[in-house]
């Protein structure tokens, strides 16, 4: 399930369309889930338990750890997980840190 600020849920096709634009896709599943069920192309994995810390990292450290430019507070970001619960929590965490 997918979660984005403007629309609480996105379909897979909506995500594919969004990924053609400049959106950062963060998969908040645990690493073992990625290993077991597979990685979503062009997404980065930041388990939910690491997300708050990751979104407050120094941008250089973020890029070193996740091989991706750190999003600014106004960049479009989509969170995904297995059932939608963790992605909604991730959205709440990001918004509490000032992400729009």
Protein backbone atom coordinates (compact mmCIF):
# COMPACT_ATOMS: atom_id res chain seq x y z
CA UNK A 1 0.00 0.00 0.00
CA UNK A 2 1.15 3.49 -0.78
CA UNK A 3 0.64 6.76 1.00
CA UNK A 4 1.12 10.35 -0.13
CA UNK A 5 0.23 13.67 1.44
CA UNK A 6 -2.35 14.85 -1.09
CA UNK A 7 -3.98 11.44 -1.54
CA UNK A 8 -3.96 9.05 1.42
CA UNK A 9 -3.64 6.09 -0.95
CA UNK A 10 -2.16 5.66 -4.40
CA UNK A 11 -2.67 2.85 -6.85
CA UNK A 12 0.35 1.14 -8.36
CA UNK A 13 -0.36 2.92 -11.67
CA UNK A 14 -0.54 6.30 -9.93
CA UNK A 15 2.81 5.58 -8.31
CA UNK A 16 4.31 4.59 -11.68
CA UNK A 17 3.06 7.88 -13.14
CA UNK A 18 4.44 9.85 -10.17
CA UNK A 19 7.82 8.16 -10.49
CA UNK A 20 8.14 9.71 -13.96
CA UNK A 21 8.31 13.05 -12.13
CA UNK A 22 10.82 14.07 -9.48
CA UNK A 23 9.36 12.15 -6.51
CA UNK A 24 11.38 10.34 -3.86
CA UNK A 25 9.91 6.93 -3.05
CA UNK A 26 10.80 5.66 0.43
CA UNK A 27 9.91 2.07 1.27
CA UNK A 28 9.60 1.84 5.07
CA UNK A 29 9.50 -1.98 5.27
CA UNK A 30 12.16 -3.82 7.24
CA UNK A 31 15.26 -4.98 5.35
CA UNK A 32 14.27 -8.65 5.74
CA UNK A 33 10.97 -7.86 4.01
CA UNK A 34 12.84 -6.32 1.07
CA UNK A 35 15.06 -9.42 0.89
CA UNK A 36 12.06 -11.74 1.07
CA UNK A 37 9.49 -9.91 -1.07
CA UNK A 38 11.69 -7.77 -3.32
CA UNK A 39 12.62 -4.14 -3.80
CA UNK A 40 10.37 -1.71 -5.61
CA UNK A 41 12.42 -0.26 -8.50
CA UNK A 42 13.78 3.26 -7.92
CA UNK A 43 12.79 3.27 -4.25
CA UNK A 44 15.07 3.59 -1.25
CA UNK A 45 14.61 1.48 1.84
CA UNK A 46 14.54 3.31 5.15
CA UNK A 47 12.87 1.08 7.76
CA UNK A 48 10.22 2.94 9.75
CA UNK A 49 12.30 2.68 12.94
CA UNK A 50 15.11 4.65 11.24
CA UNK A 51 12.99 7.20 9.41
CA UNK A 52 12.83 10.04 11.95
CA UNK A 53 16.61 9.90 12.41
CA UNK A 54 17.21 9.64 8.65
CA UNK A 55 15.05 12.68 7.85
CA UNK A 56 17.08 14.74 10.33
CA UNK A 57 20.52 13.64 9.07
CA UNK A 58 23.10 15.91 7.59
CA UNK A 59 22.48 15.77 3.81
CA UNK A 60 26.01 14.44 3.16
CA UNK A 61 25.51 11.64 5.68
CA UNK A 62 22.07 10.83 4.19
CA UNK A 63 23.58 10.52 0.69
CA UNK A 64 26.39 8.29 1.99
CA UNK A 65 23.99 6.00 3.83
CA UNK A 66 21.15 5.80 1.31
CA UNK A 67 22.90 6.64 -2.01
CA UNK A 68 20.25 9.24 -2.67
CA UNK A 69 20.01 13.01 -2.31
CA UNK A 70 18.26 13.93 0.93
CA UNK A 71 14.81 15.36 0.26
CA UNK A 72 14.14 18.96 1.18
CA UNK A 73 11.08 19.71 3.30
CA UNK A 74 9.15 20.70 0.15
CA UNK A 75 10.25 17.84 -2.15
CA UNK A 76 7.57 15.34 -3.17
CA UNK A 77 7.97 12.10 -1.18
CA UNK A 78 5.91 8.89 -1.29
CA UNK A 79 6.08 6.27 1.45
CA UNK A 80 5.18 2.62 0.95
CA UNK A 81 5.02 -0.51 3.10
CA UNK A 82 3.21 -3.84 2.98
CA UNK A 83 -0.30 -2.99 4.24
CA UNK A 84 -0.40 0.81 4.51
CA UNK A 85 -0.10 1.19 8.28
CA UNK A 86 3.61 1.99 8.42
CA UNK A 87 3.46 4.32 5.41
CA UNK A 88 0.76 6.36 7.17
CA UNK A 89 2.98 6.50 10.29
CA UNK A 90 5.92 7.55 8.09
CA UNK A 91 3.82 10.35 6.60
CA UNK A 92 2.92 11.53 10.11
CA UNK A 93 6.58 11.48 11.19
CA UNK A 94 7.68 13.42 8.10
CA UNK A 95 4.95 16.03 8.55
CA UNK A 96 5.85 16.43 12.24
CA UNK A 97 9.41 17.21 11.10
CA UNK A 98 8.14 19.97 8.81
CA UNK A 99 7.85 18.13 5.50
CA UNK A 100 4.94 19.34 3.42
